[in-house]
């Protein structure tokens, strides 16, 4: 089996120090070794598990898709604490393994993710109550630079979207060009063959002739 490893640490400090990262690596490498598998690549994310817009995870899933590999993580909470997001990964059709639950089926993983999501909700609720109590005591909440920060975040998000879009196109374009060399000489034929082979667009959808044309012409927006 071929594997793509995904590691996640919650803070920049953990990413630099390796705190928490080495343990994940040991668990994953031991699992792959016992399976006599091959580790093709590693993706490491420095991000909160609460958020779903994680570019390194997107790259890992795309890599799995393009190489017919299995995504492997050390623990379920390294993938996500959000049930909806975990379900989306499951529905993508990309196989994945959680080393702490290697023999669990989809139903068990969904139950475990639901429990993790409930824990996150309870933490958020306690935080909300604490903020409400602080406000009642007269503590000023909020950031006067909120509008400026929001605009900056939106600008960064647009830049990240375009970068991810370009990277996906660069990854899938050689596949399309290879199909062209095999005789698939129209956009419609290329789209049909990509769908038959199980490839998905960056958004997890099927390919259409216009999708293929835009990728090849560098116009995919």
N, C-alpha and C. Protein backbone atom coordinates (compact mmCIF):
# COMPACT_ATOMS: atom_id res chain seq x y z
N UNK A 1 0.84 -1.20 0.00
CA UNK A 1 0.00 0.00 0.00
C UNK A 1 0.87 1.25 0.00
N UNK A 2 0.35 2.29 -0.63
CA UNK A 2 1.02 3.58 -0.63
C UNK A 2 0.27 4.52 0.32
N UNK A 3 1.03 5.30 1.08
CA UNK A 3 0.44 6.16 2.08
C UNK A 3 0.91 7.61 1.91
N UNK A 4 0.00 8.53 2.23
CA UNK A 4 0.31 9.95 2.38
C UNK A 4 0.04 10.29 3.84
N UNK A 5 1.06 10.78 4.55
CA UNK A 5 0.90 11.07 5.97
C UNK A 5 0.50 12.53 6.17
N UNK A 6 -0.41 12.75 7.10
CA UNK A 6 -0.85 14.11 7.44
C UNK A 6 -0.65 14.31 8.94
N UNK A 7 0.16 15.31 9.28
CA UNK A 7 0.40 15.66 10.67
C UNK A 7 -0.14 17.06 10.93
N UNK A 8 -0.66 17.26 12.15
CA UNK A 8 -1.16 18.60 12.49
C UNK A 8 -0.73 18.96 13.90
N UNK A 9 -0.21 20.18 14.04
CA UNK A 9 0.09 20.75 15.35
C UNK A 9 -0.71 22.03 15.47
N UNK A 10 -1.09 22.38 16.68
CA UNK A 10 -2.04 23.47 16.88
C UNK A 10 -1.40 24.85 16.94
N UNK A 11 -0.10 24.94 17.20
CA UNK A 11 0.53 26.24 17.36
C UNK A 11 1.84 26.31 16.60
N UNK A 12 2.26 27.52 16.29
CA UNK A 12 3.53 27.73 15.62
C UNK A 12 4.68 27.21 16.47
N UNK A 13 4.55 27.37 17.79
CA UNK A 13 5.61 26.92 18.70
C UNK A 13 5.78 25.41 18.62
N UNK A 14 4.66 24.70 18.55
CA UNK A 14 4.74 23.24 18.43
C UNK A 14 5.38 22.84 17.11
N UNK A 15 5.07 23.61 16.05
CA UNK A 15 5.63 23.31 14.75
C UNK A 15 7.13 23.47 14.72
N UNK A 16 7.63 24.49 15.39
CA UNK A 16 9.07 24.76 15.40
C UNK A 16 9.79 23.78 16.32
N UNK A 17 9.23 23.55 17.48
CA UNK A 17 9.91 22.71 18.47
C UNK A 17 9.79 21.22 18.18
N UNK A 18 8.76 20.86 17.40
CA UNK A 18 8.52 19.44 17.14
C UNK A 18 7.69 18.79 18.22
N UNK A 19 7.27 19.60 19.23
CA UNK A 19 6.45 19.07 20.31
C UNK A 19 5.14 18.52 19.76
N UNK A 20 4.87 17.27 19.98
CA UNK A 20 3.66 16.66 19.47
C UNK A 20 3.82 16.09 18.07
N UNK A 21 4.75 16.66 17.30
CA UNK A 21 4.95 16.22 15.92
C UNK A 21 5.71 14.90 15.86
N UNK A 22 6.76 14.77 16.68
CA UNK A 22 7.56 13.55 16.67
C UNK A 22 6.74 12.33 17.08
N UNK A 23 5.84 12.54 18.04
CA UNK A 23 4.99 11.43 18.49
C UNK A 23 4.09 10.96 17.35
N UNK A 24 3.52 11.91 16.60
CA UNK A 24 2.68 11.55 15.46
C UNK A 24 3.48 10.77 14.42
N UNK A 25 4.69 11.26 14.14
CA UNK A 25 5.54 10.61 13.15
C UNK A 25 5.87 9.18 13.56
N UNK A 26 6.19 8.98 14.83
CA UNK A 26 6.53 7.64 15.32
C UNK A 26 5.36 6.68 15.15
N UNK A 27 4.16 7.15 15.51
CA UNK A 27 2.97 6.30 15.42
C UNK A 27 2.69 5.91 13.97
N UNK A 28 2.73 6.92 13.08
CA UNK A 28 2.42 6.67 11.67
C UNK A 28 3.47 5.78 11.01
N UNK A 29 4.74 6.09 11.26
CA UNK A 29 5.81 5.30 10.64
C UNK A 29 5.80 3.85 11.12
N UNK A 30 5.46 3.64 12.40
CA UNK A 30 5.37 2.29 12.93
C UNK A 30 4.23 1.53 12.26
N UNK A 31 3.10 2.22 12.08
CA UNK A 31 1.95 1.56 11.43
C UNK A 31 2.29 1.16 9.99
N UNK A 32 2.90 2.09 9.24
CA UNK A 32 3.23 1.81 7.84
C UNK A 32 4.25 0.67 7.75
N UNK A 33 5.19 0.65 8.67
CA UNK A 33 6.20 -0.41 8.69
C UNK A 33 5.54 -1.76 8.93
N UNK A 34 4.60 -1.82 9.85
CA UNK A 34 3.91 -3.09 10.14
C UNK A 34 3.05 -3.55 8.97
N UNK A 35 2.58 -2.59 8.17
CA UNK A 35 1.78 -2.94 7.00
C UNK A 35 2.64 -3.22 5.77
N UNK A 36 3.96 -3.06 5.93
CA UNK A 36 4.90 -3.20 4.82
C UNK A 36 4.52 -2.28 3.67
N UNK A 37 4.08 -1.08 4.05
CA UNK A 37 3.67 -0.10 3.05
C UNK A 37 4.79 0.86 2.69
N UNK A 38 4.45 1.83 1.87
CA UNK A 38 5.41 2.82 1.40
C UNK A 38 4.86 4.22 1.67
N UNK A 39 5.66 5.04 2.34
CA UNK A 39 5.27 6.42 2.62
C UNK A 39 5.75 7.30 1.48
N UNK A 40 4.79 7.85 0.72
CA UNK A 40 5.15 8.66 -0.45
C UNK A 40 5.49 10.10 -0.08
N UNK A 41 4.72 10.67 0.85
CA UNK A 41 4.94 12.08 1.15
C UNK A 41 4.32 12.42 2.50
N UNK A 42 4.79 13.54 3.07
CA UNK A 42 4.31 14.01 4.37
C UNK A 42 3.80 15.43 4.23
N UNK A 43 2.65 15.72 4.83
CA UNK A 43 2.11 17.08 4.88
C UNK A 43 1.90 17.44 6.35
N UNK A 44 2.40 18.61 6.72
CA UNK A 44 2.28 19.06 8.11
C UNK A 44 1.54 20.38 8.17
N UNK A 45 0.52 20.43 9.00
CA UNK A 45 -0.31 21.63 9.14
C UNK A 45 -0.11 22.24 10.52
N UNK A 46 0.01 23.56 10.55
CA UNK A 46 0.01 24.28 11.83
C UNK A 46 -1.31 25.03 11.88
N UNK A 47 -2.29 24.43 12.56
CA UNK A 47 -3.64 24.97 12.50
C UNK A 47 -4.47 24.41 13.62
N UNK A 48 -5.53 25.12 13.99
CA UNK A 48 -6.48 24.63 14.98
C UNK A 48 -7.38 23.58 14.35
N UNK A 49 -7.68 22.52 15.10
CA UNK A 49 -8.56 21.48 14.61
C UNK A 49 -9.98 21.95 14.41
N UNK A 50 -10.31 23.12 14.96
CA UNK A 50 -11.67 23.65 14.85
C UNK A 50 -11.96 24.14 13.44
N UNK A 51 -10.91 24.53 12.70
CA UNK A 51 -11.09 25.09 11.37
C UNK A 51 -10.98 24.01 10.31
N UNK A 52 -11.73 24.19 9.23
CA UNK A 52 -11.74 23.20 8.16
C UNK A 52 -10.94 23.64 6.94
N UNK A 53 -10.62 24.94 6.83
CA UNK A 53 -9.92 25.44 5.64
C UNK A 53 -8.42 25.27 5.82
N UNK A 54 -7.97 24.02 5.70
CA UNK A 54 -6.57 23.71 5.93
C UNK A 54 -5.90 23.31 4.62
N UNK A 55 -5.05 24.17 4.07
CA UNK A 55 -4.46 23.92 2.75
C UNK A 55 -3.60 22.68 2.69
N UNK A 56 -2.88 22.35 3.78
CA UNK A 56 -2.02 21.17 3.73
C UNK A 56 -2.85 19.88 3.67
N UNK A 57 -3.98 19.87 4.35
CA UNK A 57 -4.86 18.71 4.26
C UNK A 57 -5.43 18.59 2.86
N UNK A 58 -5.77 19.72 2.25
CA UNK A 58 -6.27 19.71 0.87
C UNK A 58 -5.22 19.12 -0.06
N UNK A 59 -3.96 19.54 0.12
CA UNK A 59 -2.88 19.00 -0.71
C UNK A 59 -2.72 17.50 -0.50
N UNK A 60 -2.83 17.08 0.75
CA UNK A 60 -2.68 15.66 1.06
C UNK A 60 -3.78 14.83 0.39
N UNK A 61 -5.02 15.34 0.44
CA UNK A 61 -6.13 14.63 -0.19
C UNK A 61 -5.96 14.58 -1.70
N UNK A 62 -5.51 15.69 -2.29
CA UNK A 62 -5.27 15.72 -3.74
C UNK A 62 -4.18 14.74 -4.13
N UNK A 63 -3.13 14.69 -3.31
CA UNK A 63 -2.03 13.77 -3.59
C UNK A 63 -2.52 12.32 -3.53
N UNK A 64 -3.35 12.01 -2.54
CA UNK A 64 -3.93 10.68 -2.44
C UNK A 64 -4.75 10.35 -3.67
N UNK A 65 -5.52 11.33 -4.10
CA UNK A 65 -6.40 11.14 -5.25
C UNK A 65 -5.61 10.86 -6.52
N UNK A 66 -4.54 11.61 -6.71
CA UNK A 66 -3.75 11.49 -7.93
C UNK A 66 -2.87 10.25 -7.95
N UNK A 67 -2.57 9.70 -6.79
CA UNK A 67 -1.66 8.55 -6.72
C UNK A 67 -2.33 7.29 -6.19
N UNK A 68 -3.65 7.36 -5.98
CA UNK A 68 -4.39 6.21 -5.46
C UNK A 68 -3.80 5.71 -4.15
N UNK A 69 -3.49 6.66 -3.27
CA UNK A 69 -2.88 6.34 -1.99
C UNK A 69 -3.88 6.47 -0.85
N UNK A 70 -3.48 6.01 0.31
CA UNK A 70 -4.30 6.08 1.51
C UNK A 70 -3.77 7.18 2.42
N UNK A 71 -4.67 8.03 2.91
CA UNK A 71 -4.30 9.07 3.87
C UNK A 71 -4.18 8.43 5.25
N UNK A 72 -3.07 8.70 5.93
CA UNK A 72 -2.88 8.12 7.26
C UNK A 72 -2.58 9.23 8.26
N UNK A 73 -3.27 9.17 9.42
CA UNK A 73 -3.06 10.13 10.51
C UNK A 73 -2.84 9.33 11.79
N UNK A 74 -2.19 9.94 12.77
CA UNK A 74 -1.88 9.22 14.00
C UNK A 74 -3.12 8.99 14.85
N UNK A 75 -3.98 10.03 14.96
CA UNK A 75 -5.19 9.94 15.77
C UNK A 75 -6.33 10.63 15.05
N UNK A 76 -7.54 10.25 15.41
CA UNK A 76 -8.72 10.83 14.76
C UNK A 76 -8.76 12.34 14.90
N UNK A 77 -8.39 12.88 16.08
CA UNK A 77 -8.48 14.32 16.26
C UNK A 77 -7.42 15.09 15.48
N UNK A 78 -6.43 14.38 14.92
CA UNK A 78 -5.47 15.04 14.05
C UNK A 78 -6.12 15.37 12.71
N UNK A 79 -7.14 14.61 12.34
CA UNK A 79 -7.83 14.86 11.08
C UNK A 79 -8.82 15.99 11.23
N UNK A 80 -9.69 15.91 12.20
CA UNK A 80 -10.63 16.99 12.45
C UNK A 80 -11.49 16.67 13.66
N UNK A 81 -11.91 17.72 14.37
CA UNK A 81 -12.86 17.55 15.46
C UNK A 81 -14.28 17.84 14.98
N UNK A 82 -14.44 18.08 13.69
CA UNK A 82 -15.73 18.47 13.15
C UNK A 82 -16.34 17.31 12.37
N UNK A 83 -17.53 16.85 12.79
CA UNK A 83 -18.17 15.69 12.19
C UNK A 83 -18.49 15.92 10.72
N UNK A 84 -18.99 17.12 10.38
CA UNK A 84 -19.35 17.40 8.99
C UNK A 84 -18.13 17.30 8.09
N UNK A 85 -17.00 17.85 8.56
CA UNK A 85 -15.80 17.83 7.74
C UNK A 85 -15.29 16.41 7.57
N UNK A 86 -15.30 15.64 8.65
CA UNK A 86 -14.86 14.25 8.57
C UNK A 86 -15.73 13.47 7.61
N UNK A 87 -17.04 13.73 7.65
CA UNK A 87 -17.96 13.04 6.74
C UNK A 87 -17.66 13.41 5.29
N UNK A 88 -17.27 14.67 5.06
CA UNK A 88 -16.94 15.11 3.71
C UNK A 88 -15.73 14.34 3.19
N UNK A 89 -14.73 14.15 4.05
CA UNK A 89 -13.54 13.39 3.65
C UNK A 89 -13.93 11.95 3.33
N UNK A 90 -14.82 11.38 4.15
CA UNK A 90 -15.27 10.02 3.90
C UNK A 90 -15.97 9.91 2.55
N UNK A 91 -16.85 10.89 2.26
CA UNK A 91 -17.63 10.85 1.02
C UNK A 91 -16.76 11.08 -0.21
N UNK A 92 -15.57 11.64 -0.02
CA UNK A 92 -14.69 11.90 -1.16
C UNK A 92 -14.21 10.60 -1.80
N UNK A 93 -14.33 9.51 -1.04
CA UNK A 93 -13.90 8.23 -1.59
C UNK A 93 -12.43 7.94 -1.38
N UNK A 94 -11.71 8.87 -0.78
CA UNK A 94 -10.29 8.67 -0.53
C UNK A 94 -10.13 7.85 0.75
N UNK A 95 -9.49 6.69 0.69
CA UNK A 95 -9.33 5.86 1.89
C UNK A 95 -8.40 6.52 2.89
N UNK A 96 -8.70 6.38 4.16
CA UNK A 96 -7.81 6.91 5.17
C UNK A 96 -7.80 6.01 6.40
N UNK A 97 -6.71 6.08 7.11
CA UNK A 97 -6.49 5.25 8.29
C UNK A 97 -6.16 6.14 9.47
N UNK A 98 -6.83 5.91 10.59
CA UNK A 98 -6.46 6.54 11.86
C UNK A 98 -5.74 5.46 12.65
N UNK A 99 -4.47 5.68 12.96
CA UNK A 99 -3.66 4.64 13.58
C UNK A 99 -4.20 4.19 14.93
N UNK A 100 -4.94 5.08 15.63
CA UNK A 100 -5.50 4.68 16.93
C UNK A 100 -6.79 3.89 16.77
N UNK A 101 -7.36 3.86 15.54
CA UNK A 101 -8.57 3.09 15.27
C UNK A 101 -8.43 2.41 13.91
N UNK A 102 -7.38 1.62 13.68
CA UNK A 102 -7.12 1.09 12.33
C UNK A 102 -8.17 0.10 11.82
N UNK A 103 -8.89 -0.54 12.72
CA UNK A 103 -9.85 -1.55 12.29
C UNK A 103 -11.30 -1.08 12.40
N UNK A 104 -11.49 0.19 12.68
CA UNK A 104 -12.85 0.71 12.86
C UNK A 104 -13.47 1.04 11.51
N UNK A 105 -14.74 0.73 11.39
CA UNK A 105 -15.46 1.07 10.18
C UNK A 105 -15.91 2.51 10.19
N UNK A 106 -16.57 2.91 9.12
CA UNK A 106 -17.01 4.29 8.97
C UNK A 106 -17.96 4.71 10.09
N UNK A 107 -18.87 3.82 10.48
CA UNK A 107 -19.84 4.17 11.52
C UNK A 107 -19.15 4.49 12.84
N UNK A 108 -18.15 3.68 13.22
CA UNK A 108 -17.44 3.91 14.47
C UNK A 108 -16.70 5.24 14.42
N UNK A 109 -16.05 5.53 13.30
CA UNK A 109 -15.32 6.78 13.16
C UNK A 109 -16.27 7.97 13.26
N UNK A 110 -17.47 7.85 12.69
CA UNK A 110 -18.44 8.94 12.76
C UNK A 110 -18.89 9.16 14.21
N UNK A 111 -19.07 8.07 14.94
CA UNK A 111 -19.47 8.21 16.34
C UNK A 111 -18.36 8.89 17.14
N UNK A 112 -17.13 8.46 16.93
CA UNK A 112 -16.00 9.06 17.64
C UNK A 112 -15.87 10.55 17.29
N UNK A 113 -16.07 10.88 16.01
CA UNK A 113 -15.98 12.27 15.60
C UNK A 113 -17.10 13.09 16.23
N UNK A 114 -18.31 12.49 16.34
CA UNK A 114 -19.43 13.19 16.95
C UNK A 114 -19.14 13.51 18.42
N UNK A 115 -18.51 12.56 19.11
CA UNK A 115 -18.14 12.80 20.51
C UNK A 115 -17.13 13.94 20.60
N UNK A 116 -16.14 13.93 19.71
CA UNK A 116 -15.13 14.98 19.71
C UNK A 116 -15.75 16.34 19.41
N UNK A 117 -16.73 16.35 18.48
CA UNK A 117 -17.39 17.61 18.14
C UNK A 117 -18.19 18.14 19.34
N UNK A 118 -18.83 17.24 20.08
CA UNK A 118 -19.59 17.66 21.26
C UNK A 118 -18.67 18.25 22.32
N UNK A 119 -17.49 17.68 22.48
CA UNK A 119 -16.51 18.22 23.42
C UNK A 119 -16.11 19.64 23.00
N UNK A 120 -15.92 19.83 21.71
CA UNK A 120 -15.56 21.16 21.21
C UNK A 120 -16.67 22.15 21.46
N UNK A 121 -17.94 21.69 21.27
CA UNK A 121 -19.08 22.58 21.49
C UNK A 121 -19.15 23.01 22.95
N UNK A 122 -18.88 22.08 23.85
CA UNK A 122 -18.94 22.39 25.28
C UNK A 122 -17.85 23.40 25.66
N UNK A 123 -16.67 23.27 25.05
CA UNK A 123 -15.60 24.23 25.31
C UNK A 123 -16.01 25.61 24.83
N UNK A 124 -16.62 25.67 23.64
CA UNK A 124 -17.07 26.95 23.09
C UNK A 124 -18.14 27.58 23.97
N UNK A 125 -19.03 26.74 24.51
CA UNK A 125 -20.09 27.25 25.36
C UNK A 125 -19.52 27.81 26.67
N UNK A 126 -18.55 27.13 27.24
CA UNK A 126 -17.92 27.64 28.47
C UNK A 126 -17.21 28.96 28.20
N UNK A 127 -16.59 29.07 27.03
CA UNK A 127 -15.91 30.32 26.67
C UNK A 127 -16.92 31.45 26.53
N UNK A 128 -18.06 31.14 25.90
CA UNK A 128 -19.11 32.16 25.72
C UNK A 128 -19.63 32.67 27.06
N UNK A 129 -19.86 31.75 27.98
CA UNK A 129 -20.36 32.13 29.30
C UNK A 129 -19.33 32.97 30.07
N UNK A 130 -18.05 32.61 29.91
CA UNK A 130 -17.01 33.36 30.59
C UNK A 130 -16.92 34.78 30.04
N UNK A 131 -17.05 34.94 28.73
CA UNK A 131 -17.01 36.27 28.11
C UNK A 131 -18.21 37.10 28.55
N UNK A 132 -19.38 36.44 28.64
CA UNK A 132 -20.59 37.16 29.08
C UNK A 132 -20.42 37.65 30.51
N UNK A 133 -19.82 36.82 31.36
CA UNK A 133 -19.60 37.22 32.74
C UNK A 133 -18.62 38.38 32.83
N UNK A 134 -17.57 38.34 31.98
CA UNK A 134 -16.58 39.42 31.97
C UNK A 134 -17.22 40.73 31.51
N UNK A 135 -18.08 40.64 30.51
CA UNK A 135 -18.75 41.84 30.01
C UNK A 135 -19.66 42.44 31.07
N UNK A 136 -20.32 41.58 31.84
CA UNK A 136 -21.20 42.03 32.91
C UNK A 136 -20.42 42.77 33.99
N UNK A 137 -19.16 42.37 34.18
CA UNK A 137 -18.31 43.02 35.17
C UNK A 137 -17.73 44.34 34.65
N UNK A 138 -18.03 44.66 33.37
CA UNK A 138 -17.54 45.92 32.82
C UNK A 138 -16.28 45.80 31.99
N UNK A 139 -15.82 44.58 31.74
CA UNK A 139 -14.62 44.39 30.92
C UNK A 139 -14.97 44.67 29.46
N UNK A 140 -14.18 45.51 28.80
CA UNK A 140 -14.42 45.84 27.39
C UNK A 140 -13.92 44.69 26.51
N UNK A 141 -14.82 44.23 25.66
CA UNK A 141 -14.49 43.12 24.76
C UNK A 141 -14.42 43.62 23.33
N UNK A 142 -13.73 42.86 22.50
CA UNK A 142 -13.67 43.23 21.10
C UNK A 142 -12.35 43.88 20.75
N UNK A 143 -12.15 44.15 19.48
CA UNK A 143 -10.91 44.72 18.97
C UNK A 143 -11.25 45.93 18.11
N UNK A 144 -10.75 47.11 18.44
CA UNK A 144 -11.07 48.29 17.64
C UNK A 144 -10.54 48.21 16.22
N UNK A 145 -9.60 47.31 15.98
CA UNK A 145 -9.04 47.15 14.63
C UNK A 145 -9.72 46.00 13.89
N UNK A 146 -10.92 45.60 14.36
CA UNK A 146 -11.58 44.43 13.79
C UNK A 146 -11.80 44.57 12.29
N UNK A 147 -12.27 45.75 11.83
CA UNK A 147 -12.54 45.94 10.41
C UNK A 147 -11.27 45.78 9.59
N UNK A 148 -10.19 46.38 10.08
CA UNK A 148 -8.91 46.29 9.39
C UNK A 148 -8.42 44.84 9.33
N UNK A 149 -8.54 44.14 10.45
CA UNK A 149 -8.11 42.75 10.51
C UNK A 149 -8.94 41.88 9.57
N UNK A 150 -10.28 42.12 9.55
CA UNK A 150 -11.16 41.34 8.68
C UNK A 150 -10.77 41.51 7.21
N UNK A 151 -10.51 42.75 6.80
CA UNK A 151 -10.12 43.01 5.42
C UNK A 151 -8.81 42.31 5.07
N UNK A 152 -7.88 42.33 6.02
CA UNK A 152 -6.59 41.67 5.79
C UNK A 152 -6.78 40.17 5.65
N UNK A 153 -7.64 39.59 6.48
CA UNK A 153 -7.90 38.15 6.42
C UNK A 153 -8.54 37.76 5.10
N UNK A 154 -9.48 38.59 4.64
CA UNK A 154 -10.15 38.30 3.37
C UNK A 154 -9.15 38.35 2.21
N UNK A 155 -8.24 39.31 2.27
CA UNK A 155 -7.22 39.42 1.23
C UNK A 155 -6.32 38.20 1.23
N UNK A 156 -5.92 37.77 2.42
CA UNK A 156 -5.07 36.58 2.53
C UNK A 156 -5.80 35.34 2.06
N UNK A 157 -7.11 35.27 2.38
CA UNK A 157 -7.90 34.10 1.97
C UNK A 157 -7.99 34.01 0.45
N UNK A 158 -8.18 35.17 -0.20
CA UNK A 158 -8.23 35.15 -1.67
C UNK A 158 -6.91 34.69 -2.26
N UNK A 159 -5.81 35.14 -1.66
CA UNK A 159 -4.49 34.73 -2.13
C UNK A 159 -4.27 33.24 -1.95
N UNK A 160 -4.71 32.71 -0.80
CA UNK A 160 -4.57 31.28 -0.53
C UNK A 160 -5.40 30.46 -1.49
N UNK A 161 -6.62 30.93 -1.77
CA UNK A 161 -7.50 30.22 -2.71
C UNK A 161 -6.85 30.11 -4.08
N UNK A 162 -6.30 31.21 -4.56
CA UNK A 162 -5.68 31.21 -5.89
C UNK A 162 -4.46 30.31 -5.92
N UNK A 163 -3.68 30.33 -4.83
CA UNK A 163 -2.48 29.49 -4.76
C UNK A 163 -2.87 28.02 -4.78
N UNK A 164 -3.90 27.65 -3.99
CA UNK A 164 -4.35 26.25 -3.98
C UNK A 164 -4.90 25.85 -5.34
N UNK A 165 -5.61 26.77 -5.98
CA UNK A 165 -6.19 26.51 -7.29
C UNK A 165 -5.08 26.23 -8.30
N UNK A 166 -4.04 27.06 -8.29
CA UNK A 166 -2.92 26.89 -9.22
C UNK A 166 -2.20 25.57 -8.97
N UNK A 167 -2.02 25.23 -7.70
CA UNK A 167 -1.31 24.00 -7.36
C UNK A 167 -2.10 22.76 -7.81
N UNK A 168 -3.42 22.82 -7.66
CA UNK A 168 -4.23 21.69 -8.11
C UNK A 168 -4.14 21.53 -9.63
N UNK A 169 -4.23 22.65 -10.34
CA UNK A 169 -4.14 22.60 -11.80
C UNK A 169 -2.80 22.05 -12.25
N UNK A 170 -1.72 22.43 -11.56
CA UNK A 170 -0.40 21.93 -11.91
C UNK A 170 -0.30 20.43 -11.67
N UNK A 171 -1.04 19.95 -10.67
CA UNK A 171 -1.00 18.52 -10.35
C UNK A 171 -1.81 17.70 -11.35
N UNK A 172 -2.96 18.21 -11.78
CA UNK A 172 -3.84 17.43 -12.65
C UNK A 172 -3.50 17.59 -14.13
N UNK A 173 -2.83 18.69 -14.50
CA UNK A 173 -2.54 18.94 -15.91
C UNK A 173 -1.70 17.82 -16.55
N UNK A 174 -0.65 17.30 -15.89
CA UNK A 174 0.10 16.19 -16.50
C UNK A 174 -0.76 14.96 -16.75
N UNK A 175 -1.74 14.72 -15.89
CA UNK A 175 -2.64 13.58 -16.09
C UNK A 175 -3.46 13.79 -17.37
N UNK A 176 -3.97 15.01 -17.53
CA UNK A 176 -4.75 15.32 -18.73
C UNK A 176 -3.90 15.21 -19.99
N UNK A 177 -2.67 15.73 -19.92
CA UNK A 177 -1.78 15.67 -21.08
C UNK A 177 -1.43 14.23 -21.43
N UNK A 178 -1.29 13.38 -20.40
CA UNK A 178 -1.02 11.97 -20.65
C UNK A 178 -2.19 11.31 -21.38
N UNK A 179 -3.41 11.67 -20.99
CA UNK A 179 -4.60 11.13 -21.67
C UNK A 179 -4.66 11.61 -23.11
N UNK A 180 -4.25 12.84 -23.35
CA UNK A 180 -4.21 13.35 -24.72
C UNK A 180 -3.28 12.51 -25.58
N UNK A 181 -2.15 12.12 -25.03
CA UNK A 181 -1.19 11.30 -25.77
C UNK A 181 -1.74 9.91 -26.04
N UNK A 182 -2.72 9.49 -25.23
CA UNK A 182 -3.33 8.17 -25.43
C UNK A 182 -4.47 8.21 -26.44
N UNK A 183 -4.76 9.40 -26.97
CA UNK A 183 -5.77 9.49 -28.02
C UNK A 183 -7.06 10.18 -27.64
N UNK A 184 -7.17 10.63 -26.41
CA UNK A 184 -8.36 11.37 -26.00
C UNK A 184 -8.16 12.82 -26.46
N UNK A 185 -8.73 13.14 -27.62
CA UNK A 185 -8.36 14.39 -28.29
C UNK A 185 -9.42 15.48 -28.23
N UNK A 186 -10.46 15.30 -27.42
CA UNK A 186 -11.45 16.37 -27.25
C UNK A 186 -11.65 16.61 -25.76
N UNK A 187 -12.12 17.80 -25.44
CA UNK A 187 -12.35 18.13 -24.03
C UNK A 187 -13.39 17.20 -23.41
N UNK A 188 -14.40 16.87 -24.21
CA UNK A 188 -15.46 15.97 -23.72
C UNK A 188 -14.91 14.58 -23.42
N UNK A 189 -14.08 14.07 -24.33
CA UNK A 189 -13.49 12.74 -24.15
C UNK A 189 -12.56 12.73 -22.94
N UNK A 190 -11.79 13.80 -22.77
CA UNK A 190 -10.89 13.90 -21.63
C UNK A 190 -11.66 13.92 -20.32
N UNK A 191 -12.75 14.71 -20.27
CA UNK A 191 -13.56 14.81 -19.06
C UNK A 191 -14.17 13.45 -18.71
N UNK A 192 -14.68 12.75 -19.72
CA UNK A 192 -15.30 11.44 -19.48
C UNK A 192 -14.29 10.44 -18.93
N UNK A 193 -13.07 10.46 -19.48
CA UNK A 193 -12.06 9.51 -19.03
C UNK A 193 -11.57 9.84 -17.62
N UNK A 194 -11.44 11.13 -17.32
CA UNK A 194 -11.06 11.52 -15.96
C UNK A 194 -12.09 11.04 -14.95
N UNK A 195 -13.37 11.20 -15.30
CA UNK A 195 -14.44 10.75 -14.42
C UNK A 195 -14.43 9.23 -14.27
N UNK A 196 -14.16 8.53 -15.39
CA UNK A 196 -14.13 7.06 -15.34
C UNK A 196 -13.01 6.56 -14.45
N UNK A 197 -11.88 7.28 -14.45
CA UNK A 197 -10.73 6.89 -13.66
C UNK A 197 -10.87 7.29 -12.18
N UNK A 198 -11.94 8.01 -11.87
CA UNK A 198 -12.19 8.37 -10.47
C UNK A 198 -11.60 9.68 -10.02
N UNK A 199 -11.07 10.48 -10.94
CA UNK A 199 -10.53 11.78 -10.56
C UNK A 199 -11.67 12.74 -10.27
N UNK A 200 -11.41 13.68 -9.37
CA UNK A 200 -12.37 14.72 -9.03
C UNK A 200 -11.72 16.08 -9.23
N UNK A 201 -12.56 17.09 -9.43
CA UNK A 201 -12.04 18.45 -9.52
C UNK A 201 -11.60 18.92 -8.14
N UNK A 202 -11.03 20.10 -8.09
CA UNK A 202 -10.57 20.65 -6.81
C UNK A 202 -11.72 20.74 -5.82
N UNK A 203 -12.96 20.85 -6.31
CA UNK A 203 -14.12 21.00 -5.44
C UNK A 203 -14.80 19.66 -5.16
N UNK A 204 -14.17 18.55 -5.59
CA UNK A 204 -14.73 17.24 -5.35
C UNK A 204 -15.85 16.85 -6.29
N UNK A 205 -15.94 17.55 -7.42
CA UNK A 205 -17.02 17.29 -8.38
C UNK A 205 -16.48 16.57 -9.62
N UNK A 206 -17.38 16.17 -10.51
CA UNK A 206 -16.95 15.51 -11.73
C UNK A 206 -16.45 16.54 -12.74
N UNK A 207 -15.67 16.06 -13.69
CA UNK A 207 -15.12 16.93 -14.72
C UNK A 207 -16.12 17.12 -15.85
N UNK A 208 -16.11 18.32 -16.43
CA UNK A 208 -16.87 18.63 -17.64
C UNK A 208 -15.88 19.14 -18.69
N UNK A 209 -16.32 19.20 -19.92
CA UNK A 209 -15.43 19.65 -20.99
C UNK A 209 -14.89 21.05 -20.71
N UNK A 210 -15.76 21.93 -20.18
CA UNK A 210 -15.32 23.29 -19.87
C UNK A 210 -14.27 23.30 -18.76
N UNK A 211 -14.40 22.38 -17.79
CA UNK A 211 -13.42 22.30 -16.70
C UNK A 211 -12.05 21.95 -17.25
N UNK A 212 -12.01 20.95 -18.13
CA UNK A 212 -10.74 20.52 -18.72
C UNK A 212 -10.14 21.63 -19.58
N UNK A 213 -10.99 22.27 -20.37
CA UNK A 213 -10.49 23.36 -21.23
C UNK A 213 -9.87 24.47 -20.40
N UNK A 214 -10.54 24.86 -19.33
CA UNK A 214 -10.02 25.95 -18.50
C UNK A 214 -8.69 25.59 -17.83
N UNK A 215 -8.56 24.34 -17.43
CA UNK A 215 -7.30 23.90 -16.80
C UNK A 215 -6.17 23.95 -17.80
N UNK A 216 -6.41 23.43 -18.99
CA UNK A 216 -5.36 23.40 -20.01
C UNK A 216 -4.99 24.78 -20.50
N UNK A 217 -5.96 25.69 -20.53
CA UNK A 217 -5.69 27.05 -21.00
C UNK A 217 -5.29 27.99 -19.88
N UNK A 218 -5.26 27.45 -18.64
CA UNK A 218 -4.86 28.28 -17.51
C UNK A 218 -5.88 29.33 -17.15
N UNK A 219 -7.17 28.99 -17.37
CA UNK A 219 -8.23 29.98 -17.12
C UNK A 219 -9.16 29.53 -16.01
N UNK A 220 -8.81 28.48 -15.27
CA UNK A 220 -9.69 27.98 -14.23
C UNK A 220 -9.70 28.97 -13.06
N UNK A 221 -10.85 29.58 -12.79
CA UNK A 221 -11.02 30.57 -11.71
C UNK A 221 -11.94 30.03 -10.62
